[in-house]
Amino acid sequence: MSAQAELQAGTDAGASPIPTQQPHPAHASGPHRSESDAEREHASVPLTGPLGKCCTRTVPHSGVARGTVEDIAGLATYVARPRPGPEGAGGEGGEEGKATKVILYFADVFGPLYINSKLAMDYWAAHGYLVLGVDYFEGDSAAHHAGEEGWDVDEWVVPFRTSAARITPPWIEAVREAYGGPNTKFFTVGYCFGGPFVLDLLATDWVTAGAIAHPAFLDGGHFRRLKKPLLISSPEDDFTFPSAARRRAEDIMVEQKATYYIQIFSGAFHGFATRPDPSLRAERWAKEESARAVLQWFGHHAQS
């Protein structure tokens, strides 16, 4: 049954227009243009904008990371294991020693080894999940460029869009081999840069459900290819995924009869789910509520 509910704490305001893409001359309308060509072109129109200064805004969170950094498929990976006890009992130790609930975490530009990312993964691990975050920036995340004069996130990210797309699939297969078993259920969550990895996995048959917050680099095709349930956690004001684009994505999911859930936080901004100021009550609540929603979304679909 589709969870086509939208929780909107406030009204949308100041939405920026959806980024548009000029058609290539070879794709121009003409008498020999097929319907499938038109569908492919429509699907490739971007729904999200480029990165910007808000992608580098952060407040480091306080806490002690409980996980470990391990090598998987040649990539540094943060591994947060379930804690012993009632909540953690279902995370590992299933049939053949394999995990039974696994989250693949795809980080924003600060990467999975940033303290905020580690603490988020530890939170889900404390509730029974084995959580793994891949460092597809290979030690060169935005966290290493804080305060660097002349550094530009949009220039920096260009080569990583290509390299991450190349090195992440072997990592995913290695994770499935190492941690998957007959009773394992895989979930996936991603932020900003990590959004497309989540949508690509939700177009497969082996992932149970996924979640994204303030995503970048998505187009209509990502939502048309959805096969598995998706949670979208959005700020009211997001320059990479403005309200008009979010509504278009919702329209596509309705057309596709996808299973989805959208929550919107008034007063929030791009990055609210990973890099807010925890000393500000509203920012902290939105971040924590988004993390709880991911937990509840995965818990609901883990039982299906």
C-alpha atoms as a PDB file:
ATOM      1  CA  MET A   1       0.000   0.000   0.000  1.00  0.00           C
ATOM      2  CA  SER A   2       1.454   3.393  -0.967  1.00  0.00           C
ATOM      3  CA  ALA A   3       2.267   5.715   1.896  1.00  0.00           C
ATOM      4  CA  GLN A   4       1.409   8.806  -0.117  1.00  0.00           C
ATOM      5  CA  ALA A   5       1.343  11.183   2.824  1.00  0.00           C
ATOM      6  CA  GLU A   6       2.991  14.557   3.081  1.00  0.00           C
ATOM      7  CA  LEU A   7       3.740  16.023   6.496  1.00  0.00           C
ATOM      8  CA  GLN A   8       4.122  19.741   5.978  1.00  0.00           C
ATOM      9  CA  ALA A   9       4.976  21.841   9.032  1.00  0.00           C
ATOM     10  CA  GLY A  10       4.357  25.217   7.425  1.00  0.00           C
ATOM     11  CA  THR A  11       3.911  26.597   3.942  1.00  0.00           C
ATOM     12  CA  ASP A  12       6.340  26.731   1.044  1.00  0.00           C
ATOM     13  CA  ALA A  13       7.777  30.147   0.351  1.00  0.00           C
ATOM     14  CA  GLY A  14      10.419  31.657  -1.828  1.00  0.00           C
ATOM     15  CA  ALA A  15      10.880  28.559  -3.964  1.00  0.00           C
ATOM     16  CA  SER A  16      13.453  28.920  -6.676  1.00  0.00           C
ATOM     17  CA  PRO A  17      12.634  27.724 -10.186  1.00  0.00           C
ATOM     18  CA  ILE A  18      13.459  24.215 -11.322  1.00  0.00           C
ATOM     19  CA  PRO A  19      16.777  24.061 -13.165  1.00  0.00           C
ATOM     20  CA  THR A  20      16.180  23.619 -16.858  1.00  0.00           C
ATOM     21  CA  GLN A  21      18.270  21.903 -19.486  1.00  0.00           C
ATOM     22  CA  GLN A  22      18.474  23.022 -23.092  1.00  0.00           C
ATOM     23  CA  PRO A  23      17.915  20.128 -25.493  1.00  0.00           C
ATOM     24  CA  HIS A  24      20.837  19.008 -27.608  1.00  0.00           C
ATOM     25  CA  PRO A  25      20.277  19.773 -31.315  1.00  0.00           C
ATOM     26  CA  ALA A  26      20.263  16.054 -32.018  1.00  0.00           C
ATOM     27  CA  HIS A  27      17.292  15.715 -29.675  1.00  0.00           C
ATOM     28  CA  ALA A  28      15.202  18.484 -31.171  1.00  0.00           C
ATOM     29  CA  SER A  29      11.620  17.738 -32.033  1.00  0.00           C
ATOM     30  CA  GLY A  30      11.090  16.409 -35.511  1.00  0.00           C
ATOM     31  CA  PRO A  31       8.974  14.068 -37.558  1.00  0.00           C
ATOM     32  CA  HIS A  32      11.206  11.055 -36.831  1.00  0.00           C
ATOM     33  CA  ARG A  33      11.411  11.548 -33.078  1.00  0.00           C
ATOM     34  CA  SER A  34       9.973   8.537 -31.234  1.00  0.00           C
ATOM     35  CA  GLU A  35       7.877   8.620 -28.091  1.00  0.00           C
ATOM     36  CA  SER A  36      10.587   6.728 -26.210  1.00  0.00           C
ATOM     37  CA  ASP A  37      13.112   9.428 -27.203  1.00  0.00           C
ATOM     38  CA  ALA A  38      10.835  12.084 -25.761  1.00  0.00           C
ATOM     39  CA  GLU A  39      10.369  10.101 -22.561  1.00  0.00           C
ATOM     40  CA  ARG A  40      14.114   9.658 -22.127  1.00  0.00           C
ATOM     41  CA  GLU A  41      14.756  13.347 -22.679  1.00  0.00           C
ATOM     42  CA  HIS A  42      12.022  14.314 -20.210  1.00  0.00           C
ATOM     43  CA  ALA A  43      13.415  11.914 -17.624  1.00  0.00           C
ATOM     44  CA  SER A  44      16.891  13.437 -17.899  1.00  0.00           C
ATOM     45  CA  VAL A  45      15.775  16.995 -17.086  1.00  0.00           C
ATOM     46  CA  PRO A  46      17.405  17.916 -13.743  1.00  0.00           C
ATOM     47  CA  LEU A  47      15.150  18.294 -10.719  1.00  0.00           C
ATOM     48  CA  THR A  48      17.925  19.434  -8.411  1.00  0.00           C
ATOM     49  CA  GLY A  49      20.327  22.328  -8.716  1.00  0.00           C
ATOM     50  CA  PRO A  50      24.103  22.475  -8.323  1.00  0.00           C
ATOM     51  CA  LEU A  51      25.924  22.606  -5.014  1.00  0.00           C
ATOM     52  CA  GLY A  52      26.562  25.931  -3.315  1.00  0.00           C
ATOM     53  CA  LYS A  53      27.821  27.650  -0.189  1.00  0.00           C
ATOM     54  CA  CYS A  54      25.126  26.075   1.984  1.00  0.00           C
ATOM     55  CA  CYS A  55      26.636  22.671   1.187  1.00  0.00           C
ATOM     56  CA  THR A  56      29.746  23.695   3.137  1.00  0.00           C
ATOM     57  CA  ARG A  57      27.960  25.286   6.100  1.00  0.00           C
ATOM     58  CA  THR A  58      28.434  23.133   9.189  1.00  0.00           C
ATOM     59  CA  VAL A  59      28.604  23.018  12.953  1.00  0.00           C
ATOM     60  CA  PRO A  60      30.613  20.028  14.253  1.00  0.00           C
ATOM     61  CA  HIS A  61      28.553  18.012  16.719  1.00  0.00           C
ATOM     62  CA  SER A  62      29.869  16.795  20.044  1.00  0.00           C
ATOM     63  CA  GLY A  63      30.014  13.154  20.979  1.00  0.00           C
ATOM     64  CA  VAL A  64      32.203  10.078  20.917  1.00  0.00           C
ATOM     65  CA  ALA A  65      31.996   7.956  17.777  1.00  0.00           C
ATOM     66  CA  ARG A  66      31.562   4.283  18.663  1.00  0.00           C
ATOM     67  CA  GLY A  67      32.216   2.729  15.269  1.00  0.00           C
ATOM     68  CA  THR A  68      35.398   1.739  13.493  1.00  0.00           C
ATOM     69  CA  VAL A  69      37.012   2.677  10.182  1.00  0.00           C
ATOM     70  CA  GLU A  70      37.628  -0.419   8.074  1.00  0.00           C
ATOM     71  CA  ASP A  71      38.706  -1.202   4.536  1.00  0.00           C
ATOM     72  CA  ILE A  72      36.024  -2.568   2.231  1.00  0.00           C
ATOM     73  CA  ALA A  73      36.848  -2.968  -1.456  1.00  0.00           C
ATOM     74  CA  GLY A  74      39.830  -0.679  -1.005  1.00  0.00           C
ATOM     75  CA  LEU A  75      37.750   2.186   0.418  1.00  0.00           C
ATOM     76  CA  ALA A  76      37.748   3.522   3.968  1.00  0.00           C
ATOM     77  CA  THR A  77      34.371   2.672   5.483  1.00  0.00           C
ATOM     78  CA  TYR A  78      32.824   3.738   8.764  1.00  0.00           C
ATOM     79  CA  VAL A  79      31.223   0.692  10.358  1.00  0.00           C
ATOM     80  CA  ALA A  80      28.732   1.179  13.191  1.00  0.00           C
ATOM     81  CA  ARG A  81      27.682  -2.117  14.721  1.00  0.00           C
ATOM     82  CA  PRO A  82      24.540  -2.731  16.781  1.00  0.00           C
ATOM     83  CA  ARG A  83      25.028  -2.524  20.516  1.00  0.00           C
ATOM     84  CA  PRO A  84      24.188  -5.525  22.685  1.00  0.00           C
ATOM     85  CA  GLY A  85      20.711  -5.450  24.143  1.00  0.00           C
ATOM     86  CA  PRO A  86      17.060  -5.595  23.062  1.00  0.00           C
ATOM     87  CA  GLU A  87      17.381  -2.934  20.362  1.00  0.00           C
ATOM     88  CA  GLY A  88      20.630  -4.251  18.932  1.00  0.00           C
ATOM     89  CA  ALA A  89      19.743  -7.908  19.028  1.00  0.00           C
ATOM     90  CA  GLY A  90      18.473  -8.056  15.450  1.00  0.00           C
ATOM     91  CA  GLY A  91      21.356  -6.321  13.736  1.00  0.00           C
ATOM     92  CA  GLU A  92      23.994  -9.046  13.550  1.00  0.00           C
ATOM     93  CA  GLY A  93      24.247 -12.691  14.417  1.00  0.00           C
ATOM     94  CA  GLY A  94      21.616 -13.890  11.980  1.00  0.00           C
ATOM     95  CA  GLU A  95      21.854 -17.037   9.884  1.00  0.00           C
ATOM     96  CA  GLU A  96      25.474 -17.954   9.072  1.00  0.00           C
ATOM     97  CA  GLY A  97      26.621 -15.032  11.212  1.00  0.00           C
ATOM     98  CA  LYS A  98      25.353 -12.485   8.697  1.00  0.00           C
ATOM     99  CA  ALA A  99      23.673  -9.201   9.600  1.00  0.00           C
ATOM    100  CA  THR A 100      19.897  -9.127   9.369  1.00  0.00           C
ATOM    101  CA  LYS A 101      19.413  -5.342   9.032  1.00  0.00           C
ATOM    102  CA  VAL A 102      22.019  -3.283   7.156  1.00  0.00           C
ATOM    103  CA  ILE A 103      22.017   0.415   6.241  1.00  0.00           C
ATOM    104  CA  LEU A 104      24.224   1.697   3.435  1.00  0.00           C
ATOM    105  CA  TYR A 105      25.020   5.340   4.222  1.00  0.00           C
ATOM    106  CA  PHE A 106      25.903   7.783   1.419  1.00  0.00           C
ATOM    107  CA  ALA A 107      27.271  10.996   2.864  1.00  0.00           C
ATOM    108  CA  ASP A 108      27.096  14.630   1.856  1.00  0.00           C
ATOM    109  CA  VAL A 109      30.285  16.451   0.818  1.00  0.00           C
ATOM    110  CA  PHE A 110      31.696  16.169   4.353  1.00  0.00           C
ATOM    111  CA  GLY A 111      31.925  12.408   3.979  1.00  0.00           C
ATOM    112  CA  PRO A 112      31.167   9.522   6.357  1.00  0.00           C
ATOM    113  CA  LEU A 113      34.265  10.101   8.487  1.00  0.00           C
ATOM    114  CA  TYR A 114      33.060  13.543   9.610  1.00  0.00           C
ATOM    115  CA  ILE A 115      31.906  13.466  13.236  1.00  0.00           C
ATOM    116  CA  ASN A 116      28.314  14.434  12.400  1.00  0.00           C
ATOM    117  CA  SER A 117      28.038  11.525   9.975  1.00  0.00           C
ATOM    118  CA  LYS A 118      29.573   9.079  12.443  1.00  0.00           C
ATOM    119  CA  LEU A 119      27.171  10.073  15.218  1.00  0.00           C
ATOM    120  CA  ALA A 120      24.178   9.687  12.890  1.00  0.00           C
ATOM    121  CA  MET A 121      25.283   6.194  11.910  1.00  0.00           C
ATOM    122  CA  ASP A 122      25.881   5.335  15.564  1.00  0.00           C
ATOM    123  CA  TYR A 123      22.303   6.387  16.332  1.00  0.00           C
ATOM    124  CA  TRP A 124      20.813   3.872  13.900  1.00  0.00           C
ATOM    125  CA  ALA A 125      23.269   1.219  15.042  1.00  0.00           C
ATOM    126  CA  ALA A 126      22.041   1.724  18.608  1.00  0.00           C
ATOM    127  CA  HIS A 127      18.604   0.694  17.330  1.00  0.00           C
ATOM    128  CA  GLY A 128      19.648  -2.601  15.805  1.00  0.00           C
ATOM    129  CA  TYR A 129      21.190  -1.806  12.427  1.00  0.00           C
ATOM    130  CA  LEU A 130      24.618  -2.491  11.029  1.00  0.00           C
ATOM    131  CA  VAL A 131      25.482   0.800   9.303  1.00  0.00           C
ATOM    132  CA  LEU A 132      28.251   1.242   6.732  1.00  0.00           C
ATOM    133  CA  GLY A 133      29.361   4.565   5.237  1.00  0.00           C
ATOM    134  CA  VAL A 134      31.719   4.588   2.252  1.00  0.00           C
ATOM    135  CA  ASP A 135      34.324   7.325   1.815  1.00  0.00           C
ATOM    136  CA  TYR A 136      33.905   7.896  -1.909  1.00  0.00           C
ATOM    137  CA  PHE A 137      35.927  11.114  -1.525  1.00  0.00           C
ATOM    138  CA  GLU A 138      38.965   8.964  -0.678  1.00  0.00           C
ATOM    139  CA  GLY A 139      40.222  11.176   2.138  1.00  0.00           C
ATOM    140  CA  ASP A 140      39.549  14.500   0.399  1.00  0.00           C
ATOM    141  CA  SER A 141      36.097  15.499   1.655  1.00  0.00           C
ATOM    142  CA  ALA A 142      34.940  19.090   2.093  1.00  0.00           C
ATOM    143  CA  ALA A 143      35.839  18.798   5.775  1.00  0.00           C
ATOM    144  CA  HIS A 144      39.510  18.955   4.764  1.00  0.00           C
ATOM    145  CA  HIS A 145      39.016  22.273   2.955  1.00  0.00           C
ATOM    146  CA  ALA A 146      37.292  24.255   5.708  1.00  0.00           C
ATOM    147  CA  GLY A 147      38.546  27.824   5.637  1.00  0.00           C
ATOM    148  CA  GLU A 148      40.751  27.195   2.602  1.00  0.00           C
ATOM    149  CA  GLU A 149      41.047  30.397   0.618  1.00  0.00           C
ATOM    150  CA  GLY A 150      39.838  30.136  -2.963  1.00  0.00           C
ATOM    151  CA  TRP A 151      38.372  26.660  -2.553  1.00  0.00           C
ATOM    152  CA  ASP A 152      35.118  26.231  -4.504  1.00  0.00           C
ATOM    153  CA  VAL A 153      32.803  23.321  -3.768  1.00  0.00           C
ATOM    154  CA  ASP A 154      31.312  23.275  -7.275  1.00  0.00           C
ATOM    155  CA  GLU A 155      34.739  22.946  -8.869  1.00  0.00           C
ATOM    156  CA  TRP A 156      35.922  20.454  -6.261  1.00  0.00           C
ATOM    157  CA  VAL A 157      32.970  18.110  -6.727  1.00  0.00           C
ATOM    158  CA  VAL A 158      33.268  17.660 -10.509  1.00  0.00           C
ATOM    159  CA  PRO A 159      35.873  14.851 -10.575  1.00  0.00           C
ATOM    160  CA  PHE A 160      34.237  13.115  -7.608  1.00  0.00           C
ATOM    161  CA  ARG A 161      30.954  12.732  -9.476  1.00  0.00           C
ATOM    162  CA  THR A 162      32.831  10.546 -11.952  1.00  0.00           C
ATOM    163  CA  SER A 163      35.151   8.729  -9.553  1.00  0.00           C
ATOM    164  CA  ALA A 164      32.471   8.026  -6.939  1.00  0.00           C
ATOM    165  CA  ALA A 165      30.193   6.560  -9.603  1.00  0.00           C
ATOM    166  CA  ARG A 166      33.047   4.262 -10.628  1.00  0.00           C
ATOM    167  CA  ILE A 167      34.348   3.079  -7.242  1.00  0.00           C
ATOM    168  CA  THR A 168      31.095   2.803  -5.278  1.00  0.00           C
ATOM    169  CA  PRO A 169      29.408  -0.125  -7.123  1.00  0.00           C
ATOM    170  CA  PRO A 170      32.290  -2.545  -6.309  1.00  0.00           C
ATOM    171  CA  TRP A 171      32.042  -1.392  -2.684  1.00  0.00           C
ATOM    172  CA  ILE A 172      28.315  -2.141  -2.673  1.00  0.00           C
ATOM    173  CA  GLU A 173      28.904  -5.632  -4.030  1.00  0.00           C
ATOM    174  CA  ALA A 174      31.625  -6.235  -1.429  1.00  0.00           C
ATOM    175  CA  VAL A 175      29.215  -5.172   1.330  1.00  0.00           C
ATOM    176  CA  ARG A 176      26.546  -7.540   0.050  1.00  0.00           C
ATOM    177  CA  GLU A 177      29.052 -10.387  -0.049  1.00  0.00           C
ATOM    178  CA  ALA A 178      30.502  -9.694   3.400  1.00  0.00           C
ATOM    179  CA  TYR A 179      27.347  -8.829   5.333  1.00  0.00           C
ATOM    180  CA  GLY A 180      24.427 -10.249   3.386  1.00  0.00           C
ATOM    181  CA  GLY A 181      22.688 -13.507   4.161  1.00  0.00           C
ATOM    182  CA  PRO A 182      19.431 -15.301   3.395  1.00  0.00           C
ATOM    183  CA  ASN A 183      17.553 -13.196   5.945  1.00  0.00           C
ATOM    184  CA  THR A 184      19.359  -9.891   5.489  1.00  0.00           C
ATOM    185  CA  LYS A 185      17.381  -6.770   4.674  1.00  0.00           C
ATOM    186  CA  PHE A 186      19.313  -3.873   3.188  1.00  0.00           C
ATOM    187  CA  PHE A 187      18.314  -0.224   3.559  1.00  0.00           C
ATOM    188  CA  THR A 188      19.969   2.930   2.280  1.00  0.00           C
ATOM    189  CA  VAL A 189      20.100   6.592   3.274  1.00  0.00           C
ATOM    190  CA  GLY A 190      21.807   9.514   1.567  1.00  0.00           C
ATOM    191  CA  TYR A 191      22.310  13.242   1.897  1.00  0.00           C
ATOM    192  CA  CYS A 192      23.057  15.875  -0.765  1.00  0.00           C
ATOM    193  CA  PHE A 193      25.828  14.284  -2.917  1.00  0.00           C
ATOM    194  CA  GLY A 194      24.719  10.843  -1.725  1.00  0.00           C
ATOM    195  CA  GLY A 195      21.133  11.158  -2.960  1.00  0.00           C
ATOM    196  CA  PRO A 196      21.628   9.597  -6.413  1.00  0.00           C
ATOM    197  CA  PHE A 197      23.222   6.473  -4.931  1.00  0.00           C
ATOM    198  CA  VAL A 198      20.085   5.903  -2.865  1.00  0.00           C
ATOM    199  CA  LEU A 199      17.733   6.383  -5.813  1.00  0.00           C
ATOM    200  CA  ASP A 200      19.816   4.069  -7.993  1.00  0.00           C
ATOM    201  CA  LEU A 201      19.637   1.330  -5.354  1.00  0.00           C
ATOM    202  CA  LEU A 202      15.885   1.805  -4.983  1.00  0.00           C
ATOM    203  CA  ALA A 203      15.581   0.956  -8.672  1.00  0.00           C
ATOM    204  CA  THR A 204      16.863  -2.557  -7.890  1.00  0.00           C
ATOM    205  CA  ASP A 205      15.073  -5.512  -6.316  1.00  0.00           C
ATOM    206  CA  TRP A 206      17.354  -6.323  -3.375  1.00  0.00           C
ATOM    207  CA  VAL A 207      17.040  -3.155  -1.244  1.00  0.00           C
ATOM    208  CA  THR A 208      14.070  -2.982   1.132  1.00  0.00           C
ATOM    209  CA  ALA A 209      13.617   0.814   1.473  1.00  0.00           C
ATOM    210  CA  GLY A 210      15.550   4.077   1.321  1.00  0.00           C
ATOM    211  CA  ALA A 211      15.614   7.674   2.506  1.00  0.00           C
ATOM    212  CA  ILE A 212      17.114  10.946   1.299  1.00  0.00           C
ATOM    213  CA  ALA A 213      17.389  14.471   2.687  1.00  0.00           C
ATOM    214  CA  HIS A 214      18.187  17.679   0.760  1.00  0.00           C
ATOM    215  CA  PRO A 215      19.464  15.723  -2.271  1.00  0.00           C
ATOM    216  CA  ALA A 216      21.529  16.951  -5.228  1.00  0.00           C
ATOM    217  CA  PHE A 217      22.113  15.653  -8.777  1.00  0.00           C
ATOM    218  CA  LEU A 218      18.698  14.056  -9.303  1.00  0.00           C
ATOM    219  CA  ASP A 219      16.518  14.060 -12.405  1.00  0.00           C
ATOM    220  CA  GLY A 220      13.059  12.814 -13.255  1.00  0.00           C
ATOM    221  CA  GLY A 221      14.371   9.422 -14.280  1.00  0.00           C
ATOM    222  CA  HIS A 222      15.520   8.694 -10.743  1.00  0.00           C
ATOM    223  CA  PHE A 223      11.921   8.899  -9.547  1.00  0.00           C
ATOM    224  CA  ARG A 224      10.441   7.106 -12.557  1.00  0.00           C
ATOM    225  CA  ARG A 225      12.689   4.106 -11.946  1.00  0.00           C
ATOM    226  CA  LEU A 226      11.704   3.703  -8.284  1.00  0.00           C
ATOM    227  CA  LYS A 227      10.790   0.173  -7.280  1.00  0.00           C
ATOM    228  CA  LYS A 228      11.175   0.413  -3.513  1.00  0.00           C
ATOM    229  CA  PRO A 229       9.760   2.732  -0.801  1.00  0.00           C
ATOM    230  CA  LEU A 230      11.334   6.185  -0.478  1.00  0.00           C
ATOM    231  CA  LEU A 231      11.294   8.712   2.371  1.00  0.00           C
ATOM    232  CA  ILE A 232      12.126  12.314   1.437  1.00  0.00           C
ATOM    233  CA  SER A 233      13.076  14.610   4.311  1.00  0.00           C
ATOM    234  CA  SER A 234      13.053  18.193   3.048  1.00  0.00           C
ATOM    235  CA  PRO A 235      13.593  21.691   4.369  1.00  0.00           C
ATOM    236  CA  GLU A 236      11.084  24.342   3.409  1.00  0.00           C
ATOM    237  CA  ASP A 237      13.857  26.306   1.722  1.00  0.00           C
ATOM    238  CA  ASP A 238      16.281  24.157  -0.275  1.00  0.00           C
ATOM    239  CA  PHE A 239      18.184  25.674  -3.171  1.00  0.00           C
ATOM    240  CA  THR A 240      19.195  22.251  -4.547  1.00  0.00           C
ATOM    241  CA  PHE A 241      15.696  20.733  -4.349  1.00  0.00           C
ATOM    242  CA  PRO A 242      13.219  23.645  -4.372  1.00  0.00           C
ATOM    243  CA  SER A 243       9.534  23.175  -3.697  1.00  0.00           C
ATOM    244  CA  ALA A 244       8.549  23.193  -7.379  1.00  0.00           C
ATOM    245  CA  ALA A 245      11.030  20.393  -8.094  1.00  0.00           C
ATOM    246  CA  ARG A 246       9.906  18.461  -5.041  1.00  0.00           C
ATOM    247  CA  ARG A 247       6.288  18.666  -6.195  1.00  0.00           C
ATOM    248  CA  ARG A 248       7.255  17.508  -9.669  1.00  0.00           C
ATOM    249  CA  ALA A 249       9.047  14.538  -8.105  1.00  0.00           C
ATOM    250  CA  GLU A 250       5.913  13.784  -6.109  1.00  0.00           C
ATOM    251  CA  ASP A 251       3.774  13.959  -9.255  1.00  0.00           C
ATOM    252  CA  ILE A 252       6.085  11.439 -10.916  1.00  0.00           C
ATOM    253  CA  MET A 253       5.868   9.100  -7.940  1.00  0.00           C
ATOM    254  CA  VAL A 254       2.069   9.350  -7.965  1.00  0.00           C
ATOM    255  CA  GLU A 255       2.047   8.484 -11.678  1.00  0.00           C
ATOM    256  CA  GLN A 256       4.340   5.528 -11.011  1.00  0.00           C
ATOM    257  CA  LYS A 257       2.247   4.419  -8.019  1.00  0.00           C
ATOM    258  CA  ALA A 258       5.423   4.442  -5.949  1.00  0.00           C
ATOM    259  CA  THR A 259       5.467   4.010  -2.188  1.00  0.00           C
ATOM    260  CA  TYR A 260       6.762   7.208  -0.642  1.00  0.00           C
ATOM    261  CA  TYR A 261       6.570   9.569   2.303  1.00  0.00           C
ATOM    262  CA  ILE A 262       7.538  13.249   2.294  1.00  0.00           C
ATOM    263  CA  GLN A 263       8.170  15.330   5.408  1.00  0.00           C
ATOM    264  CA  ILE A 264       8.835  19.066   5.207  1.00  0.00           C
ATOM    265  CA  PHE A 265      10.307  21.240   7.941  1.00  0.00           C
ATOM    266  CA  SER A 266       9.415  24.919   8.003  1.00  0.00           C
ATOM    267  CA  GLY A 267      12.324  27.239   8.654  1.00  0.00           C
ATOM    268  CA  ALA A 268      14.866  24.530   7.848  1.00  0.00           C
ATOM    269  CA  PHE A 269      17.605  24.854   5.231  1.00  0.00           C
ATOM    270  CA  HIS A 270      19.823  22.725   3.014  1.00  0.00           C
ATOM    271  CA  GLY A 271      21.966  20.566   5.282  1.00  0.00           C
ATOM    272  CA  PHE A 272      19.552  20.635   8.229  1.00  0.00           C
ATOM    273  CA  ALA A 273      19.552  16.834   8.603  1.00  0.00           C
ATOM    274  CA  THR A 274      23.327  16.507   8.961  1.00  0.00           C
ATOM    275  CA  ARG A 275      24.953  19.832   9.836  1.00  0.00           C
ATOM    276  CA  PRO A 276      22.633  22.034  11.932  1.00  0.00           C
ATOM    277  CA  ASP A 277      23.604  24.038  14.985  1.00  0.00           C
ATOM    278  CA  PRO A 278      22.541  21.789  17.906  1.00  0.00           C
ATOM    279  CA  SER A 279      22.550  24.768  20.273  1.00  0.00           C
ATOM    280  CA  LEU A 280      19.523  26.125  18.388  1.00  0.00           C
ATOM    281  CA  ARG A 281      16.442  24.268  19.562  1.00  0.00           C
ATOM    282  CA  ALA A 282      14.529  24.349  16.245  1.00  0.00           C
ATOM    283  CA  GLU A 283      17.523  23.189  14.202  1.00  0.00           C
ATOM    284  CA  ARG A 284      18.323  20.375  16.603  1.00  0.00           C
ATOM    285  CA  TRP A 285      14.721  19.166  16.688  1.00  0.00           C
ATOM    286  CA  ALA A 286      14.449  19.071  12.877  1.00  0.00           C
ATOM    287  CA  LYS A 287      17.689  17.118  12.558  1.00  0.00           C
ATOM    288  CA  GLU A 288      16.710  14.613  15.253  1.00  0.00           C
ATOM    289  CA  GLU A 289      13.169  14.229  13.939  1.00  0.00           C
ATOM    290  CA  SER A 290      14.522  13.501  10.452  1.00  0.00           C
ATOM    291  CA  ALA A 291      16.810  10.789  11.862  1.00  0.00           C
ATOM    292  CA  ARG A 292      13.893   9.312  13.829  1.00  0.00           C
ATOM    293  CA  ALA A 293      11.757   9.289  10.687  1.00  0.00           C
ATOM    294  CA  VAL A 294      14.433   7.288   8.858  1.00  0.00           C
ATOM    295  CA  LEU A 295      14.497   4.797  11.728  1.00  0.00           C
ATOM    296  CA  GLN A 296      10.716   4.452  11.778  1.00  0.00           C
ATOM    297  CA  TRP A 297      10.482   4.211   7.979  1.00  0.00           C
ATOM    298  CA  PHE A 298      13.018   1.411   7.869  1.00  0.00           C
ATOM    299  CA  GLY A 299      11.436  -0.311  10.856  1.00  0.00           C
ATOM    300  CA  HIS A 300       8.036  -0.268   9.180  1.00  0.00           C
ATOM    301  CA  HIS A 301       9.329  -1.790   5.949  1.00  0.00           C
ATOM    302  CA  ALA A 302      11.586  -4.272   7.739  1.00  0.00           C
ATOM    303  CA  GLN A 303       8.388  -6.024   8.843  1.00  0.00           C
ATOM    304  CA  SER A 304       6.955  -6.332   5.328  1.00  0.00           C
END
